[in-house]
Each structure stands twice: as structure tokens, then as C-alpha cells.
Amino acid sequence: MHGFSSSVLSCRERERLEEELSEVRTRSRNLSRLRQLTQRERMALDEREQTAQARLRDHDAEHGCQR
């Protein structure tokens, strides 16, 4: 039973991390459509996306609940 609940929790966490990554990508895309981004803004958005990707990869490596 413990293994099942742990698996469910890690999958929920993965879903949350996927949503975080999706939000970062959507925000970047929407801002780019609205106006020309400064180099600083583009770098910050790229860094946020890379961080979200890394967190998702780390989670997958730690919990093994990839889809």
C-alpha cells in the first residue's frame, strides 16, 4: 500500500511540474506575441524554462514516474 500512495504522490508532483513548464512556455509565447522582448526579458524567460525542465528531469530521475 505504501508504494502505491508514494507513486500517486510523485505522479501528482510530476503533473504539477509539467504544468509549471507549460505555463512558462505559454507566458513566453504570449509576451513575444504582444511586443518585442528585451534581451534581459528573453534571457529571464529562457532561464525560467530551463529551470522548469531541469526540475521535471530531476523529478523523473528521482521518482521514475515518467509518462
PDB file of N, CA and C in Angstrom:
ATOM      1  N   MET A   1       0.814  -1.185   0.000  1.00  0.00           N
ATOM      2  CA  MET A   1       0.000   0.000   0.000  1.00  0.00           C
ATOM      3  C   MET A   1       0.861   1.253   0.000  1.00  0.00           C
ATOM      4  N   HIS A   2       1.952   1.245   0.748  1.00  0.00           N
ATOM      5  CA  HIS A   2       2.806   2.420   0.817  1.00  0.00           C
ATOM      6  C   HIS A   2       3.373   2.774  -0.562  1.00  0.00           C
ATOM      7  N   GLY A   3       3.795   1.765  -1.315  1.00  0.00           N
ATOM      8  CA  GLY A   3       4.343   2.007  -2.645  1.00  0.00           C
ATOM      9  C   GLY A   3       3.331   2.647  -3.568  1.00  0.00           C
ATOM     10  N   PHE A   4       2.081   2.244  -3.451  1.00  0.00           N
ATOM     11  CA  PHE A   4       1.034   2.819  -4.286  1.00  0.00           C
ATOM     12  C   PHE A   4       0.826   4.289  -3.983  1.00  0.00           C
ATOM     13  N   SER A   5       0.719   4.643  -2.702  1.00  0.00           N
ATOM     14  CA  SER A   5       0.475   6.047  -2.351  1.00  0.00           C
ATOM     15  C   SER A   5       1.667   6.913  -2.722  1.00  0.00           C
ATOM     16  N   SER A   6       2.857   6.395  -2.578  1.00  0.00           N
ATOM     17  CA  SER A   6       4.050   7.138  -2.955  1.00  0.00           C
ATOM     18  C   SER A   6       4.072   7.387  -4.457  1.00  0.00           C
ATOM     19  N   SER A   7       3.681   6.390  -5.230  1.00  0.00           N
ATOM     20  CA  SER A   7       3.636   6.519  -6.680  1.00  0.00           C
ATOM     21  C   SER A   7       2.615   7.558  -7.109  1.00  0.00           C
ATOM     22  N   VAL A   8       1.457   7.540  -6.472  1.00  0.00           N
ATOM     23  CA  VAL A   8       0.414   8.503  -6.809  1.00  0.00           C
ATOM     24  C   VAL A   8       0.888   9.915  -6.505  1.00  0.00           C
ATOM     25  N   LEU A   9       1.540  10.113  -5.353  1.00  0.00           N
ATOM     26  CA  LEU A   9       2.024  11.433  -4.983  1.00  0.00           C
ATOM     27  C   LEU A   9       3.066  11.939  -5.971  1.00  0.00           C
ATOM     28  N   SER A  10       3.989  11.063  -6.356  1.00  0.00           N
ATOM     29  CA  SER A  10       5.031  11.509  -7.265  1.00  0.00           C
ATOM     30  C   SER A  10       4.441  11.842  -8.634  1.00  0.00           C
ATOM     31  N   CYS A  11       3.405  11.117  -9.059  1.00  0.00           N
ATOM     32  CA  CYS A  11       2.784  11.432 -10.336  1.00  0.00           C
ATOM     33  C   CYS A  11       2.053  12.780 -10.264  1.00  0.00           C
ATOM     34  N   ARG A  12       1.439  13.059  -9.140  1.00  0.00           N
ATOM     35  CA  ARG A  12       0.802  14.371  -8.959  1.00  0.00           C
ATOM     36  C   ARG A  12       1.844  15.474  -9.006  1.00  0.00           C
ATOM     37  N   GLU A  13       2.983  15.211  -8.388  1.00  0.00           N
ATOM     38  CA  GLU A  13       4.065  16.195  -8.420  1.00  0.00           C
ATOM     39  C   GLU A  13       4.563  16.381  -9.850  1.00  0.00           C
ATOM     40  N   ARG A  14       4.642  15.297 -10.600  1.00  0.00           N
ATOM     41  CA  ARG A  14       5.076  15.401 -11.999  1.00  0.00           C
ATOM     42  C   ARG A  14       4.081  16.225 -12.796  1.00  0.00           C
ATOM     43  N   GLU A  15       2.797  16.001 -12.555  1.00  0.00           N
ATOM     44  CA  GLU A  15       1.777  16.795 -13.241  1.00  0.00           C
ATOM     45  C   GLU A  15       1.926  18.275 -12.911  1.00  0.00           C
ATOM     46  N   ARG A  16       2.220  18.573 -11.646  1.00  0.00           N
ATOM     47  CA  ARG A  16       2.414  19.961 -11.244  1.00  0.00           C
ATOM     48  C   ARG A  16       3.631  20.570 -11.955  1.00  0.00           C
ATOM     49  N   LEU A  17       4.704  19.808 -12.034  1.00  0.00           N
ATOM     50  CA  LEU A  17       5.916  20.287 -12.696  1.00  0.00           C
ATOM     51  C   LEU A  17       5.690  20.463 -14.200  1.00  0.00           C
ATOM     52  N   GLU A  18       4.931  19.555 -14.812  1.00  0.00           N
ATOM     53  CA  GLU A  18       4.592  19.699 -16.230  1.00  0.00           C
ATOM     54  C   GLU A  18       3.771  20.964 -16.454  1.00  0.00           C
ATOM     55  N   GLU A  19       2.836  21.223 -15.553  1.00  0.00           N
ATOM     56  CA  GLU A  19       2.001  22.422 -15.647  1.00  0.00           C
ATOM     57  C   GLU A  19       2.853  23.676 -15.505  1.00  0.00           C
ATOM     58  N   GLU A  20       3.805  23.641 -14.586  1.00  0.00           N
ATOM     59  CA  GLU A  20       4.716  24.772 -14.392  1.00  0.00           C
ATOM     60  C   GLU A  20       5.496  25.054 -15.678  1.00  0.00           C
ATOM     61  N   LEU A  21       6.010  24.013 -16.300  1.00  0.00           N
ATOM     62  CA  LEU A  21       6.756  24.161 -17.548  1.00  0.00           C
ATOM     63  C   LEU A  21       5.850  24.715 -18.649  1.00  0.00           C
ATOM     64  N   SER A  22       4.654  24.196 -18.734  1.00  0.00           N
ATOM     65  CA  SER A  22       3.706  24.666 -19.739  1.00  0.00           C
ATOM     66  C   SER A  22       3.372  26.152 -19.541  1.00  0.00           C
ATOM     67  N   GLU A  23       3.193  26.553 -18.301  1.00  0.00           N
ATOM     68  CA  GLU A  23       2.887  27.957 -18.011  1.00  0.00           C
ATOM     69  C   GLU A  23       4.025  28.880 -18.414  1.00  0.00           C
ATOM     70  N   VAL A  24       5.251  28.457 -18.143  1.00  0.00           N
ATOM     71  CA  VAL A  24       6.412  29.263 -18.526  1.00  0.00           C
ATOM     72  C   VAL A  24       6.467  29.412 -20.042  1.00  0.00           C
ATOM     73  N   ARG A  25       6.260  28.317 -20.751  1.00  0.00           N
ATOM     74  CA  ARG A  25       6.298  28.363 -22.217  1.00  0.00           C
ATOM     75  C   ARG A  25       5.170  29.234 -22.780  1.00  0.00           C
ATOM     76  N   THR A  26       3.988  29.099 -22.202  1.00  0.00           N
ATOM     77  CA  THR A  26       2.850  29.886 -22.656  1.00  0.00           C
ATOM     78  C   THR A  26       3.087  31.376 -22.403  1.00  0.00           C
ATOM     79  N   ARG A  27       3.591  31.698 -21.237  1.00  0.00           N
ATOM     80  CA  ARG A  27       3.866  33.098 -20.908  1.00  0.00           C
ATOM     81  C   ARG A  27       4.890  33.693 -21.875  1.00  0.00           C
ATOM     82  N   SER A  28       5.924  32.946 -22.143  1.00  0.00           N
ATOM     83  CA  SER A  28       6.957  33.408 -23.066  1.00  0.00           C
ATOM     84  C   SER A  28       6.373  33.639 -24.459  1.00  0.00           C
ATOM     85  N   ARG A  29       5.594  32.692 -24.923  1.00  0.00           N
ATOM     86  CA  ARG A  29       4.989  32.805 -26.248  1.00  0.00           C
ATOM     87  C   ARG A  29       4.038  34.009 -26.312  1.00  0.00           C
ATOM     88  N   ASN A  30       3.212  34.173 -25.287  1.00  0.00           N
ATOM     89  CA  ASN A  30       2.250  35.277 -25.278  1.00  0.00           C
ATOM     90  C   ASN A  30       2.933  36.637 -25.210  1.00  0.00           C
ATOM     91  N   LEU A  31       3.944  36.753 -24.371  1.00  0.00           N
ATOM     92  CA  LEU A  31       4.666  38.026 -24.284  1.00  0.00           C
ATOM     93  C   LEU A  31       5.359  38.362 -25.605  1.00  0.00           C
ATOM     94  N   SER A  32       5.910  37.334 -26.247  1.00  0.00           N
ATOM     95  CA  SER A  32       6.580  37.551 -27.534  1.00  0.00           C
ATOM     96  C   SER A  32       5.609  38.008 -28.609  1.00  0.00           C
ATOM     97  N   ARG A  33       4.380  37.569 -28.517  1.00  0.00           N
ATOM     98  CA  ARG A  33       3.367  37.994 -29.491  1.00  0.00           C
ATOM     99  C   ARG A  33       2.932  39.437 -29.253  1.00  0.00           C
ATOM    100  N   LEU A  34       2.950  39.839 -27.995  1.00  0.00           N
ATOM    101  CA  LEU A  34       2.493  41.191 -27.655  1.00  0.00           C
ATOM    102  C   LEU A  34       3.482  42.275 -28.067  1.00  0.00           C
ATOM    103  N   ARG A  35       4.754  41.974 -27.875  1.00  0.00           N
ATOM    104  CA  ARG A  35       5.766  43.007 -28.148  1.00  0.00           C
ATOM    105  C   ARG A  35       7.144  42.368 -28.266  1.00  0.00           C
ATOM    106  N   GLN A  36       8.062  43.165 -28.727  1.00  0.00           N
ATOM    107  CA  GLN A  36       9.460  42.741 -28.811  1.00  0.00           C
ATOM    108  C   GLN A  36      10.030  42.693 -27.393  1.00  0.00           C
ATOM    109  N   LEU A  37      10.556  41.554 -27.008  1.00  0.00           N
ATOM    110  CA  LEU A  37      11.133  41.414 -25.678  1.00  0.00           C
ATOM    111  C   LEU A  37      12.563  41.927 -25.672  1.00  0.00           C
ATOM    112  N   THR A  38      12.953  42.496 -24.541  1.00  0.00           N
ATOM    113  CA  THR A  38      14.343  42.910 -24.401  1.00  0.00           C
ATOM    114  C   THR A  38      15.202  41.664 -24.234  1.00  0.00           C
ATOM    115  N   GLN A  39      16.481  41.831 -24.437  1.00  0.00           N
ATOM    116  CA  GLN A  39      17.394  40.702 -24.277  1.00  0.00           C
ATOM    117  C   GLN A  39      17.334  40.186 -22.837  1.00  0.00           C
ATOM    118  N   ARG A  40      17.226  41.081 -21.884  1.00  0.00           N
ATOM    119  CA  ARG A  40      17.154  40.691 -20.477  1.00  0.00           C
ATOM    120  C   ARG A  40      15.884  39.880 -20.195  1.00  0.00           C
ATOM    121  N   GLU A  41      14.754  40.320 -20.755  1.00  0.00           N
ATOM    122  CA  GLU A  41      13.494  39.598 -20.575  1.00  0.00           C
ATOM    123  C   GLU A  41      13.565  38.210 -21.204  1.00  0.00           C
ATOM    124  N   ARG A  42      14.104  38.144 -22.417  1.00  0.00           N
ATOM    125  CA  ARG A  42      14.232  36.864 -23.113  1.00  0.00           C
ATOM    126  C   ARG A  42      15.122  35.917 -22.314  1.00  0.00           C
ATOM    127  N   MET A  43      16.222  36.425 -21.797  1.00  0.00           N
ATOM    128  CA  MET A  43      17.135  35.601 -21.010  1.00  0.00           C
ATOM    129  C   MET A  43      16.452  35.096 -19.734  1.00  0.00           C
ATOM    130  N   ALA A  44      15.681  35.948 -19.083  1.00  0.00           N
ATOM    131  CA  ALA A  44      14.986  35.559 -17.855  1.00  0.00           C
ATOM    132  C   ALA A  44      13.949  34.472 -18.148  1.00  0.00           C
ATOM    133  N   LEU A  45      13.201  34.641 -19.229  1.00  0.00           N
ATOM    134  CA  LEU A  45      12.205  33.631 -19.599  1.00  0.00           C
ATOM    135  C   LEU A  45      12.871  32.313 -19.977  1.00  0.00           C
ATOM    136  N   ASP A  46      13.961  32.395 -20.717  1.00  0.00           N
ATOM    137  CA  ASP A  46      14.694  31.179 -21.087  1.00  0.00           C
ATOM    138  C   ASP A  46      15.228  30.464 -19.846  1.00  0.00           C
ATOM    139  N   GLU A  47      15.710  31.237 -18.893  1.00  0.00           N
ATOM    140  CA  GLU A  47      16.231  30.654 -17.654  1.00  0.00           C
ATOM    141  C   GLU A  47      15.108  29.980 -16.861  1.00  0.00           C
ATOM    142  N   ARG A  48      13.951  30.614 -16.810  1.00  0.00           N
ATOM    143  CA  ARG A  48      12.810  30.009 -16.113  1.00  0.00           C
ATOM    144  C   ARG A  48      12.397  28.698 -16.769  1.00  0.00           C
ATOM    145  N   GLU A  49      12.408  28.678 -18.105  1.00  0.00           N
ATOM    146  CA  GLU A  49      12.046  27.449 -18.809  1.00  0.00           C
ATOM    147  C   GLU A  49      13.074  26.349 -18.554  1.00  0.00           C
ATOM    148  N   GLN A  50      14.342  26.697 -18.601  1.00  0.00           N
ATOM    149  CA  GLN A  50      15.392  25.709 -18.349  1.00  0.00           C
ATOM    150  C   GLN A  50      15.303  25.163 -16.925  1.00  0.00           C
ATOM    151  N   THR A  51      14.986  26.030 -15.980  1.00  0.00           N
ATOM    152  CA  THR A  51      14.836  25.604 -14.588  1.00  0.00           C
ATOM    153  C   THR A  51      13.660  24.648 -14.446  1.00  0.00           C
ATOM    154  N   ALA A  52      12.550  24.971 -15.077  1.00  0.00           N
ATOM    155  CA  ALA A  52      11.372  24.100 -15.020  1.00  0.00           C
ATOM    156  C   ALA A  52      11.668  22.750 -15.662  1.00  0.00           C
ATOM    157  N   GLN A  53      12.388  22.752 -16.780  1.00  0.00           N
ATOM    158  CA  GLN A  53      12.759  21.495 -17.434  1.00  0.00           C
ATOM    159  C   GLN A  53      13.671  20.667 -16.527  1.00  0.00           C
ATOM    160  N   ALA A  54      14.621  21.328 -15.894  1.00  0.00           N
ATOM    161  CA  ALA A  54      15.549  20.624 -15.009  1.00  0.00           C
ATOM    162  C   ALA A  54      14.818  20.022 -13.813  1.00  0.00           C
ATOM    163  N   ARG A  55      13.878  20.749 -13.247  1.00  0.00           N
ATOM    164  CA  ARG A  55      13.114  20.233 -12.115  1.00  0.00           C
ATOM    165  C   ARG A  55      12.311  19.001 -12.526  1.00  0.00           C
ATOM    166  N   LEU A  56      11.751  19.031 -13.720  1.00  0.00           N
ATOM    167  CA  LEU A  56      10.992  17.888 -14.221  1.00  0.00           C
ATOM    168  C   LEU A  56      11.920  16.687 -14.460  1.00  0.00           C
ATOM    169  N   ARG A  57      13.070  16.920 -15.067  1.00  0.00           N
ATOM    170  CA  ARG A  57      14.048  15.840 -15.287  1.00  0.00           C
ATOM    171  C   ARG A  57      14.517  15.251 -13.956  1.00  0.00           C
ATOM    172  N   ASP A  58      14.799  16.133 -12.987  1.00  0.00           N
ATOM    173  CA  ASP A  58      15.249  15.665 -11.679  1.00  0.00           C
ATOM    174  C   ASP A  58      14.172  14.821 -11.008  1.00  0.00           C
ATOM    175  N   HIS A  59      12.957  15.258 -11.118  1.00  0.00           N
ATOM    176  CA  HIS A  59      11.850  14.504 -10.538  1.00  0.00           C
ATOM    177  C   HIS A  59      11.744  13.119 -11.189  1.00  0.00           C
ATOM    178  N   ASP A  60      11.832  13.084 -12.510  1.00  0.00           N
ATOM    179  CA  ASP A  60      11.759  11.809 -13.224  1.00  0.00           C
ATOM    180  C   ASP A  60      12.893  10.875 -12.779  1.00  0.00           C
ATOM    181  N   ALA A  61      14.088  11.434 -12.645  1.00  0.00           N
ATOM    182  CA  ALA A  61      15.235  10.612 -12.247  1.00  0.00           C
ATOM    183  C   ALA A  61      15.075  10.090 -10.831  1.00  0.00           C
ATOM    184  N   GLU A  62      14.523  10.909  -9.964  1.00  0.00           N
ATOM    185  CA  GLU A  62      14.371  10.533  -8.563  1.00  0.00           C
ATOM    186  C   GLU A  62      13.217   9.568  -8.332  1.00  0.00           C
ATOM    187  N   HIS A  63      12.103   9.789  -9.010  1.00  0.00           N
ATOM    188  CA  HIS A  63      10.905   9.019  -8.727  1.00  0.00           C
ATOM    189  C   HIS A  63      10.549   7.995  -9.809  1.00  0.00           C
ATOM    190  N   GLY A  64      11.107   8.142 -10.984  1.00  0.00           N
ATOM    191  CA  GLY A  64      10.853   7.174 -12.046  1.00  0.00           C
ATOM    192  C   GLY A  64       9.404   7.123 -12.501  1.00  0.00           C
ATOM    193  N   CYS A  65       8.710   8.245 -12.481  1.00  0.00           N
ATOM    194  CA  CYS A  65       7.293   8.222 -12.872  1.00  0.00           C
ATOM    195  C   CYS A  65       7.071   8.948 -14.191  1.00  0.00           C
ATOM    196  N   GLN A  66       7.989   8.761 -15.117  1.00  0.00           N
ATOM    197  CA  GLN A  66       7.843   9.374 -16.434  1.00  0.00           C
ATOM    198  C   GLN A  66       6.622   8.831 -17.130  1.00  0.00           C
ATOM    199  N   ARG A  67       6.109   9.643 -18.037  1.00  0.00           N
ATOM    200  CA  ARG A  67       4.962   9.170 -18.821  1.00  0.00           C
ATOM    201  C   ARG A  67       5.435   8.572 -20.108  1.00  0.00           C
TER     202      ARG A  67
END
